[in-house]
Amino acid sequence: MKAKLGKRLLETLQPGSYEVWDTELPGFVLRIRDGGTQTYYCVYRTPAGRRTRIAIGTTAVLTPVQARDRAKEILADITKGIDPMEVKRQSKTYSLETYITDHYGPWVETHRKSGSYMMARLKRCFFKDFKDSPLMELTTLSLEQWRSKRLKADIEPSTLNRDISIIKAAYSKAVEWEILSVSPLSKIKPSKVDQTGVVRFLSIDEEVNFRKAIDTREEEIRLERDSGNQWRKDRNYPQLPNLRSPLFRPEAP
């Protein structure tokens, strides 16, 4: 069956075992199964001339426009001699350590001011538990278990949020480089952080120093006003209010 793959068409499709080939983009296909699942595919010939297909995603996740854009990217790579299936297979050979050390690390240290800090955090926080794991094996579940263990070790949620944002950034770059088709960490959420703060009262010495600092700043302001008014007086300009007047003095505690 051939038709333009769009929202209206999806609403009319019935469960079965058949395919719909897009009339606008050759190689963009929607496969419908008996259970009702609808999956987008991109069908292409590899640089070696072999016809194959790669799954893009289901209609439950991607709109027709999003899936078509992804198919265009795949077909564009094919014209460059890049086989997306081969890229996918290679991604399984990357461990977290080899990806971070050989690929992401050199890039982030060159292009990010905080790159050295980010690399240090990645190695310190994640290599102990995950350095030998294939990239796709670091999932939302495994990272949630890692977070729970560290929370029990009294690591602050805000610290964990920073670490998780750093590892998610590394995975996002892997998707951008097409080492991964999707990031397995995209759905993980930051920990809730207590924003109430801690109330602390000043010691006597701190209060004395604080009041001295206020007095010093107020005197600087008064001197600036005195100097300004003298300048105005010399030129017969109206005077601004005198800050040494009782009307402008703070009340004594």
C-alpha atoms as a PDB file:
ATOM      1  CA  MET A   1       0.000   0.000   0.000  1.00  0.00           C
ATOM      2  CA  LYS A   2       1.226   3.491  -0.846  1.00  0.00           C
ATOM      3  CA  ALA A   3       0.020   6.743   0.753  1.00  0.00           C
ATOM      4  CA  LYS A   4       1.343   9.886   2.352  1.00  0.00           C
ATOM      5  CA  LEU A   5       2.229   9.036   5.941  1.00  0.00           C
ATOM      6  CA  GLY A   6       0.523  11.685   8.022  1.00  0.00           C
ATOM      7  CA  LYS A   7      -1.653  12.183  11.065  1.00  0.00           C
ATOM      8  CA  ARG A   8      -4.917  11.778   9.162  1.00  0.00           C
ATOM      9  CA  LEU A   9      -3.810   8.482   7.645  1.00  0.00           C
ATOM     10  CA  LEU A  10      -2.796   7.074  11.037  1.00  0.00           C
ATOM     11  CA  GLU A  11      -6.295   7.708  12.361  1.00  0.00           C
ATOM     12  CA  THR A  12      -7.787   5.500   9.614  1.00  0.00           C
ATOM     13  CA  LEU A  13      -5.416   2.516   9.754  1.00  0.00           C
ATOM     14  CA  GLN A  14      -6.801  -0.751  11.111  1.00  0.00           C
ATOM     15  CA  PRO A  15      -4.820  -3.530  12.866  1.00  0.00           C
ATOM     16  CA  GLY A  16      -3.443  -6.160  10.531  1.00  0.00           C
ATOM     17  CA  SER A  17      -0.209  -7.330   8.983  1.00  0.00           C
ATOM     18  CA  TYR A  18       0.737  -4.917   6.226  1.00  0.00           C
ATOM     19  CA  GLU A  19       2.922  -1.951   5.317  1.00  0.00           C
ATOM     20  CA  VAL A  20       2.313   1.564   4.055  1.00  0.00           C
ATOM     21  CA  TRP A  21       5.033   3.104   1.880  1.00  0.00           C
ATOM     22  CA  ASP A  22       5.228   6.878   1.952  1.00  0.00           C
ATOM     23  CA  THR A  23       4.565   8.531  -1.409  1.00  0.00           C
ATOM     24  CA  GLU A  24       6.746  11.564  -0.611  1.00  0.00           C
ATOM     25  CA  LEU A  25       9.937   9.967   0.712  1.00  0.00           C
ATOM     26  CA  PRO A  26      11.123   6.712  -0.898  1.00  0.00           C
ATOM     27  CA  GLY A  27      12.231   4.243   1.757  1.00  0.00           C
ATOM     28  CA  PHE A  28      10.020   5.684   4.523  1.00  0.00           C
ATOM     29  CA  VAL A  29       7.664   2.891   5.620  1.00  0.00           C
ATOM     30  CA  LEU A  30       5.077   2.253   8.311  1.00  0.00           C
ATOM     31  CA  ARG A  31       4.538  -1.373   9.362  1.00  0.00           C
ATOM     32  CA  ILE A  32       1.224  -2.296  11.009  1.00  0.00           C
ATOM     33  CA  ARG A  33       0.882  -5.484  13.040  1.00  0.00           C
ATOM     34  CA  ASP A  34      -2.101  -7.588  14.092  1.00  0.00           C
ATOM     35  CA  GLY A  35      -1.930  -6.260  17.630  1.00  0.00           C
ATOM     36  CA  GLY A  36      -2.225  -2.695  16.386  1.00  0.00           C
ATOM     37  CA  THR A  37       1.415  -1.665  16.882  1.00  0.00           C
ATOM     38  CA  GLN A  38       2.604   0.744  14.188  1.00  0.00           C
ATOM     39  CA  THR A  39       6.351   1.116  13.631  1.00  0.00           C
ATOM     40  CA  TYR A  40       8.230   3.451  11.307  1.00  0.00           C
ATOM     41  CA  TYR A  41      11.119   2.019   9.270  1.00  0.00           C
ATOM     42  CA  CYS A  42      13.660   3.344   6.850  1.00  0.00           C
ATOM     43  CA  VAL A  43      14.445   0.959   4.003  1.00  0.00           C
ATOM     44  CA  TYR A  44      17.696   1.554   2.134  1.00  0.00           C
ATOM     45  CA  ARG A  45      20.628  -0.050   0.378  1.00  0.00           C
ATOM     46  CA  THR A  46      23.892  -0.212   2.258  1.00  0.00           C
ATOM     47  CA  PRO A  47      27.099   1.147   0.708  1.00  0.00           C
ATOM     48  CA  ALA A  48      27.795  -2.508  -0.184  1.00  0.00           C
ATOM     49  CA  GLY A  49      24.499  -2.670  -2.121  1.00  0.00           C
ATOM     50  CA  ARG A  50      22.524  -4.833   0.324  1.00  0.00           C
ATOM     51  CA  ARG A  51      18.903  -3.871   0.927  1.00  0.00           C
ATOM     52  CA  THR A  52      18.044  -3.547   4.609  1.00  0.00           C
ATOM     53  CA  ARG A  53      15.810  -1.636   6.988  1.00  0.00           C
ATOM     54  CA  ILE A  54      16.208   0.031  10.357  1.00  0.00           C
ATOM     55  CA  ALA A  55      13.467   0.741  12.877  1.00  0.00           C
ATOM     56  CA  ILE A  56      12.916   4.419  13.624  1.00  0.00           C
ATOM     57  CA  GLY A  57      10.250   4.200  16.333  1.00  0.00           C
ATOM     58  CA  THR A  58       6.562   3.626  16.940  1.00  0.00           C
ATOM     59  CA  THR A  59       3.658   5.987  16.332  1.00  0.00           C
ATOM     60  CA  ALA A  60       3.147   6.050  20.100  1.00  0.00           C
ATOM     61  CA  VAL A  61       6.455   7.908  20.427  1.00  0.00           C
ATOM     62  CA  LEU A  62       7.025   9.757  17.138  1.00  0.00           C
ATOM     63  CA  THR A  63       4.782  11.875  14.955  1.00  0.00           C
ATOM     64  CA  PRO A  64       4.901  11.254  11.188  1.00  0.00           C
ATOM     65  CA  VAL A  65       6.889  14.483  10.757  1.00  0.00           C
ATOM     66  CA  GLN A  66       9.468  13.467  13.355  1.00  0.00           C
ATOM     67  CA  ALA A  67       9.817   9.988  11.874  1.00  0.00           C
ATOM     68  CA  ARG A  68      10.135  11.360   8.336  1.00  0.00           C
ATOM     69  CA  ASP A  69      12.876  13.770   9.462  1.00  0.00           C
ATOM     70  CA  ARG A  70      14.762  10.876  11.048  1.00  0.00           C
ATOM     71  CA  ALA A  71      14.382   8.826   7.840  1.00  0.00           C
ATOM     72  CA  LYS A  72      15.810  11.758   5.869  1.00  0.00           C
ATOM     73  CA  GLU A  73      18.827  11.847   8.198  1.00  0.00           C
ATOM     74  CA  ILE A  74      19.407   8.118   7.715  1.00  0.00           C
ATOM     75  CA  LEU A  75      19.147   8.376   3.932  1.00  0.00           C
ATOM     76  CA  ALA A  76      21.494  11.370   3.940  1.00  0.00           C
ATOM     77  CA  ASP A  77      24.052   9.310   5.870  1.00  0.00           C
ATOM     78  CA  ILE A  78      23.733   6.531   3.316  1.00  0.00           C
ATOM     79  CA  THR A  79      24.722   8.960   0.555  1.00  0.00           C
ATOM     80  CA  LYS A  80      27.836   9.754   2.635  1.00  0.00           C
ATOM     81  CA  GLY A  81      28.727   6.068   2.896  1.00  0.00           C
ATOM     82  CA  ILE A  82      27.566   5.723   6.508  1.00  0.00           C
ATOM     83  CA  ASP A  83      25.581   2.581   7.312  1.00  0.00           C
ATOM     84  CA  PRO A  84      23.360   3.323  10.372  1.00  0.00           C
ATOM     85  CA  MET A  85      23.107  -0.381  11.210  1.00  0.00           C
ATOM     86  CA  GLU A  86      26.883  -0.578  11.355  1.00  0.00           C
ATOM     87  CA  VAL A  87      26.963   2.485  13.598  1.00  0.00           C
ATOM     88  CA  LYS A  88      24.407   0.787  15.837  1.00  0.00           C
ATOM     89  CA  ARG A  89      26.477  -2.394  15.988  1.00  0.00           C
ATOM     90  CA  GLN A  90      29.619  -0.444  16.793  1.00  0.00           C
ATOM     91  CA  SER A  91      27.852   1.368  19.623  1.00  0.00           C
ATOM     92  CA  LYS A  92      27.515  -1.964  21.406  1.00  0.00           C
ATOM     93  CA  THR A  93      31.294  -2.334  21.435  1.00  0.00           C
ATOM     94  CA  TYR A  94      31.834   0.956  23.278  1.00  0.00           C
ATOM     95  CA  SER A  95      32.153   0.691  27.016  1.00  0.00           C
ATOM     96  CA  LEU A  96      31.453   3.777  29.082  1.00  0.00           C
ATOM     97  CA  GLU A  97      35.184   4.112  29.775  1.00  0.00           C
ATOM     98  CA  THR A  98      36.305   3.887  26.123  1.00  0.00           C
ATOM     99  CA  TYR A  99      33.619   6.334  24.985  1.00  0.00           C
ATOM    100  CA  ILE A 100      34.379   8.873  27.720  1.00  0.00           C
ATOM    101  CA  THR A 101      38.159   8.543  27.535  1.00  0.00           C
ATOM    102  CA  ASP A 102      38.660   8.260  23.784  1.00  0.00           C
ATOM    103  CA  HIS A 103      35.815  10.346  22.377  1.00  0.00           C
ATOM    104  CA  TYR A 104      33.819  12.532  24.742  1.00  0.00           C
ATOM    105  CA  GLY A 105      36.718  13.506  27.004  1.00  0.00           C
ATOM    106  CA  PRO A 106      38.934  15.129  24.343  1.00  0.00           C
ATOM    107  CA  TRP A 107      35.912  16.956  22.922  1.00  0.00           C
ATOM    108  CA  VAL A 108      34.521  18.294  26.205  1.00  0.00           C
ATOM    109  CA  GLU A 109      37.924  19.443  27.473  1.00  0.00           C
ATOM    110  CA  THR A 110      38.419  21.385  24.239  1.00  0.00           C
ATOM    111  CA  HIS A 111      34.953  22.916  23.862  1.00  0.00           C
ATOM    112  CA  ARG A 112      33.765  23.472  27.439  1.00  0.00           C
ATOM    113  CA  LYS A 113      35.363  25.766  30.006  1.00  0.00           C
ATOM    114  CA  SER A 114      34.387  23.291  32.727  1.00  0.00           C
ATOM    115  CA  GLY A 115      35.508  20.304  30.634  1.00  0.00           C
ATOM    116  CA  SER A 116      38.294  19.198  32.982  1.00  0.00           C
ATOM    117  CA  TYR A 117      35.915  19.353  35.939  1.00  0.00           C
ATOM    118  CA  MET A 118      33.276  17.369  34.029  1.00  0.00           C
ATOM    119  CA  MET A 119      35.796  14.673  33.105  1.00  0.00           C
ATOM    120  CA  ALA A 120      36.990  14.413  36.690  1.00  0.00           C
ATOM    121  CA  ARG A 121      33.405  14.008  37.924  1.00  0.00           C
ATOM    122  CA  LEU A 122      32.609  11.369  35.292  1.00  0.00           C
ATOM    123  CA  LYS A 123      35.618   9.279  36.239  1.00  0.00           C
ATOM    124  CA  ARG A 124      35.201   9.700  39.978  1.00  0.00           C
ATOM    125  CA  CYS A 125      31.458   9.071  40.132  1.00  0.00           C
ATOM    126  CA  PHE A 126      30.714   6.554  37.379  1.00  0.00           C
ATOM    127  CA  PHE A 127      33.826   4.582  36.416  1.00  0.00           C
ATOM    128  CA  LYS A 128      33.846   2.526  39.613  1.00  0.00           C
ATOM    129  CA  ASP A 129      30.403   1.056  38.899  1.00  0.00           C
ATOM    130  CA  PHE A 130      29.982   1.364  35.127  1.00  0.00           C
ATOM    131  CA  LYS A 131      33.296   1.836  33.310  1.00  0.00           C
ATOM    132  CA  ASP A 132      33.252  -1.634  31.701  1.00  0.00           C
ATOM    133  CA  SER A 133      29.524  -1.542  30.865  1.00  0.00           C
ATOM    134  CA  PRO A 134      28.417  -1.095  27.238  1.00  0.00           C
ATOM    135  CA  LEU A 135      26.937   2.355  26.736  1.00  0.00           C
ATOM    136  CA  MET A 136      23.350   1.128  26.377  1.00  0.00           C
ATOM    137  CA  GLU A 137      23.549  -0.866  29.623  1.00  0.00           C
ATOM    138  CA  LEU A 138      23.672   2.286  31.717  1.00  0.00           C
ATOM    139  CA  THR A 139      19.887   2.611  31.874  1.00  0.00           C
ATOM    140  CA  THR A 140      17.475   4.723  33.872  1.00  0.00           C
ATOM    141  CA  LEU A 141      17.017   1.814  36.280  1.00  0.00           C
ATOM    142  CA  SER A 142      20.737   1.275  36.874  1.00  0.00           C
ATOM    143  CA  LEU A 143      21.289   5.001  37.380  1.00  0.00           C
ATOM    144  CA  GLU A 144      18.357   5.193  39.817  1.00  0.00           C
ATOM    145  CA  GLN A 145      19.902   2.332  41.804  1.00  0.00           C
ATOM    146  CA  TRP A 146      23.241   4.168  41.763  1.00  0.00           C
ATOM    147  CA  ARG A 147      21.532   7.336  43.022  1.00  0.00           C
ATOM    148  CA  SER A 148      19.728   5.485  45.823  1.00  0.00           C
ATOM    149  CA  LYS A 149      22.987   3.988  47.039  1.00  0.00           C
ATOM    150  CA  ARG A 150      24.657   7.388  47.132  1.00  0.00           C
ATOM    151  CA  LEU A 151      21.711   9.031  48.890  1.00  0.00           C
ATOM    152  CA  LYS A 152      22.050   6.393  51.612  1.00  0.00           C
ATOM    153  CA  ALA A 153      25.716   7.397  51.857  1.00  0.00           C
ATOM    154  CA  ASP A 154      24.545  10.957  52.698  1.00  0.00           C
ATOM    155  CA  ILE A 155      25.500  12.510  49.362  1.00  0.00           C
ATOM    156  CA  GLU A 156      23.470  15.694  48.875  1.00  0.00           C
ATOM    157  CA  PRO A 157      20.679  15.529  46.244  1.00  0.00           C
ATOM    158  CA  SER A 158      21.998  18.735  44.673  1.00  0.00           C
ATOM    159  CA  THR A 159      25.406  17.086  44.192  1.00  0.00           C
ATOM    160  CA  LEU A 160      23.800  14.034  42.597  1.00  0.00           C
ATOM    161  CA  ASN A 161      21.791  16.283  40.280  1.00  0.00           C
ATOM    162  CA  ARG A 162      25.007  17.890  39.018  1.00  0.00           C
ATOM    163  CA  ASP A 163      26.599  14.487  38.441  1.00  0.00           C
ATOM    164  CA  ILE A 164      23.546  13.144  36.611  1.00  0.00           C
ATOM    165  CA  SER A 165      23.368  16.237  34.398  1.00  0.00           C
ATOM    166  CA  ILE A 166      27.023  15.652  33.448  1.00  0.00           C
ATOM    167  CA  ILE A 167      26.513  11.997  32.460  1.00  0.00           C
ATOM    168  CA  LYS A 168      23.313  12.879  30.564  1.00  0.00           C
ATOM    169  CA  ALA A 169      25.240  15.507  28.602  1.00  0.00           C
ATOM    170  CA  ALA A 170      27.817  12.879  27.619  1.00  0.00           C
ATOM    171  CA  TYR A 171      25.048  10.571  26.390  1.00  0.00           C
ATOM    172  CA  SER A 172      23.321  13.369  24.484  1.00  0.00           C
ATOM    173  CA  LYS A 173      26.558  13.962  22.618  1.00  0.00           C
ATOM    174  CA  ALA A 174      26.749  10.236  21.783  1.00  0.00           C
ATOM    175  CA  VAL A 175      23.308  10.546  20.167  1.00  0.00           C
ATOM    176  CA  GLU A 176      24.391  13.660  18.272  1.00  0.00           C
ATOM    177  CA  TRP A 177      27.435  11.776  16.982  1.00  0.00           C
ATOM    178  CA  GLU A 178      25.145   8.828  16.108  1.00  0.00           C
ATOM    179  CA  ILE A 179      27.075   6.444  18.322  1.00  0.00           C
ATOM    180  CA  LEU A 180      23.681   5.833  19.941  1.00  0.00           C
ATOM    181  CA  SER A 181      20.280   6.159  18.313  1.00  0.00           C
ATOM    182  CA  VAL A 182      18.680   7.309  21.584  1.00  0.00           C
ATOM    183  CA  SER A 183      19.912   8.123  25.064  1.00  0.00           C
ATOM    184  CA  PRO A 184      18.891   5.507  27.654  1.00  0.00           C
ATOM    185  CA  LEU A 185      19.133   8.255  30.305  1.00  0.00           C
ATOM    186  CA  SER A 186      16.747  10.752  28.723  1.00  0.00           C
ATOM    187  CA  LYS A 187      13.866   9.962  31.095  1.00  0.00           C
ATOM    188  CA  ILE A 188      15.721  10.234  34.390  1.00  0.00           C
ATOM    189  CA  LYS A 189      14.574  13.179  36.518  1.00  0.00           C
ATOM    190  CA  PRO A 190      16.580  15.260  39.014  1.00  0.00           C
ATOM    191  CA  SER A 191      16.223  14.584  42.713  1.00  0.00           C
ATOM    192  CA  LYS A 192      14.046  16.917  44.726  1.00  0.00           C
ATOM    193  CA  VAL A 193      16.123  19.422  46.647  1.00  0.00           C
ATOM    194  CA  ASP A 194      15.005  20.996  49.923  1.00  0.00           C
ATOM    195  CA  GLN A 195      14.794  24.729  49.219  1.00  0.00           C
ATOM    196  CA  THR A 196      13.790  25.798  52.743  1.00  0.00           C
ATOM    197  CA  GLY A 197      17.362  26.355  53.863  1.00  0.00           C
ATOM    198  CA  VAL A 198      18.724  26.422  57.401  1.00  0.00           C
ATOM    199  CA  VAL A 199      18.037  29.308  59.808  1.00  0.00           C
ATOM    200  CA  ARG A 200      21.194  30.488  61.564  1.00  0.00           C
ATOM    201  CA  PHE A 201      21.484  33.386  63.981  1.00  0.00           C
ATOM    202  CA  LEU A 202      24.497  35.661  64.063  1.00  0.00           C
ATOM    203  CA  SER A 203      26.942  35.407  66.918  1.00  0.00           C
ATOM    204  CA  ILE A 204      27.626  38.558  68.964  1.00  0.00           C
ATOM    205  CA  ASP A 205      30.909  39.179  67.114  1.00  0.00           C
ATOM    206  CA  GLU A 206      29.227  38.646  63.733  1.00  0.00           C
ATOM    207  CA  GLU A 207      26.444  41.072  64.654  1.00  0.00           C
ATOM    208  CA  VAL A 208      28.960  43.724  65.757  1.00  0.00           C
ATOM    209  CA  ASN A 209      30.913  43.355  62.505  1.00  0.00           C
ATOM    210  CA  PHE A 210      27.703  43.428  60.478  1.00  0.00           C
ATOM    211  CA  ARG A 211      26.572  46.693  62.103  1.00  0.00           C
ATOM    212  CA  LYS A 212      30.020  48.221  61.592  1.00  0.00           C
ATOM    213  CA  ALA A 213      29.842  47.350  57.895  1.00  0.00           C
ATOM    214  CA  ILE A 214      26.408  49.003  57.650  1.00  0.00           C
ATOM    215  CA  ASP A 215      27.652  52.133  59.425  1.00  0.00           C
ATOM    216  CA  THR A 216      30.684  52.308  57.122  1.00  0.00           C
ATOM    217  CA  ARG A 217      28.535  51.996  54.018  1.00  0.00           C
ATOM    218  CA  GLU A 218      26.050  54.628  55.258  1.00  0.00           C
ATOM    219  CA  GLU A 219      28.884  57.060  55.974  1.00  0.00           C
ATOM    220  CA  GLU A 220      30.195  56.558  52.427  1.00  0.00           C
ATOM    221  CA  ILE A 221      26.748  57.426  51.084  1.00  0.00           C
ATOM    222  CA  ARG A 222      26.530  60.533  53.301  1.00  0.00           C
ATOM    223  CA  LEU A 223      29.978  61.726  52.188  1.00  0.00           C
ATOM    224  CA  GLU A 224      28.959  61.283  48.526  1.00  0.00           C
ATOM    225  CA  ARG A 225      25.824  63.379  49.167  1.00  0.00           C
ATOM    226  CA  ASP A 226      27.856  66.060  50.977  1.00  0.00           C
ATOM    227  CA  SER A 227      30.280  66.276  48.059  1.00  0.00           C
ATOM    228  CA  GLY A 228      27.429  66.414  45.567  1.00  0.00           C
ATOM    229  CA  ASN A 229      25.619  69.175  47.433  1.00  0.00           C
ATOM    230  CA  GLN A 230      28.810  71.232  47.663  1.00  0.00           C
ATOM    231  CA  TRP A 231      29.139  70.940  43.874  1.00  0.00           C
ATOM    232  CA  ARG A 232      25.523  72.064  43.457  1.00  0.00           C
ATOM    233  CA  LYS A 233      25.985  74.940  45.918  1.00  0.00           C
ATOM    234  CA  ASP A 234      29.021  76.259  44.026  1.00  0.00           C
ATOM    235  CA  ARG A 235      26.886  76.409  40.863  1.00  0.00           C
ATOM    236  CA  ASN A 236      23.711  77.731  42.518  1.00  0.00           C
ATOM    237  CA  TYR A 237      21.829  74.464  41.876  1.00  0.00           C
ATOM    238  CA  PRO A 238      19.095  73.215  44.222  1.00  0.00           C
ATOM    239  CA  GLN A 239      20.412  71.101  47.086  1.00  0.00           C
ATOM    240  CA  LEU A 240      19.465  67.469  47.515  1.00  0.00           C
ATOM    241  CA  PRO A 241      18.149  66.377  50.936  1.00  0.00           C
ATOM    242  CA  ASN A 242      20.855  66.312  53.594  1.00  0.00           C
ATOM    243  CA  LEU A 243      21.394  62.705  54.634  1.00  0.00           C
ATOM    244  CA  ARG A 244      22.815  63.876  57.961  1.00  0.00           C
ATOM    245  CA  SER A 245      19.445  65.353  58.847  1.00  0.00           C
ATOM    246  CA  PRO A 246      17.552  63.556  61.659  1.00  0.00           C
ATOM    247  CA  LEU A 247      14.837  62.781  59.090  1.00  0.00           C
ATOM    248  CA  PHE A 248      17.223  60.415  57.356  1.00  0.00           C
ATOM    249  CA  ARG A 249      18.842  58.790  60.357  1.00  0.00           C
ATOM    250  CA  PRO A 250      17.847  55.224  61.161  1.00  0.00           C
ATOM    251  CA  GLU A 251      16.267  54.760  64.543  1.00  0.00           C
ATOM    252  CA  ALA A 252      18.485  53.420  67.278  1.00  0.00           C
ATOM    253  CA  PRO A 253      17.806  49.768  68.134  1.00  0.00           C
END
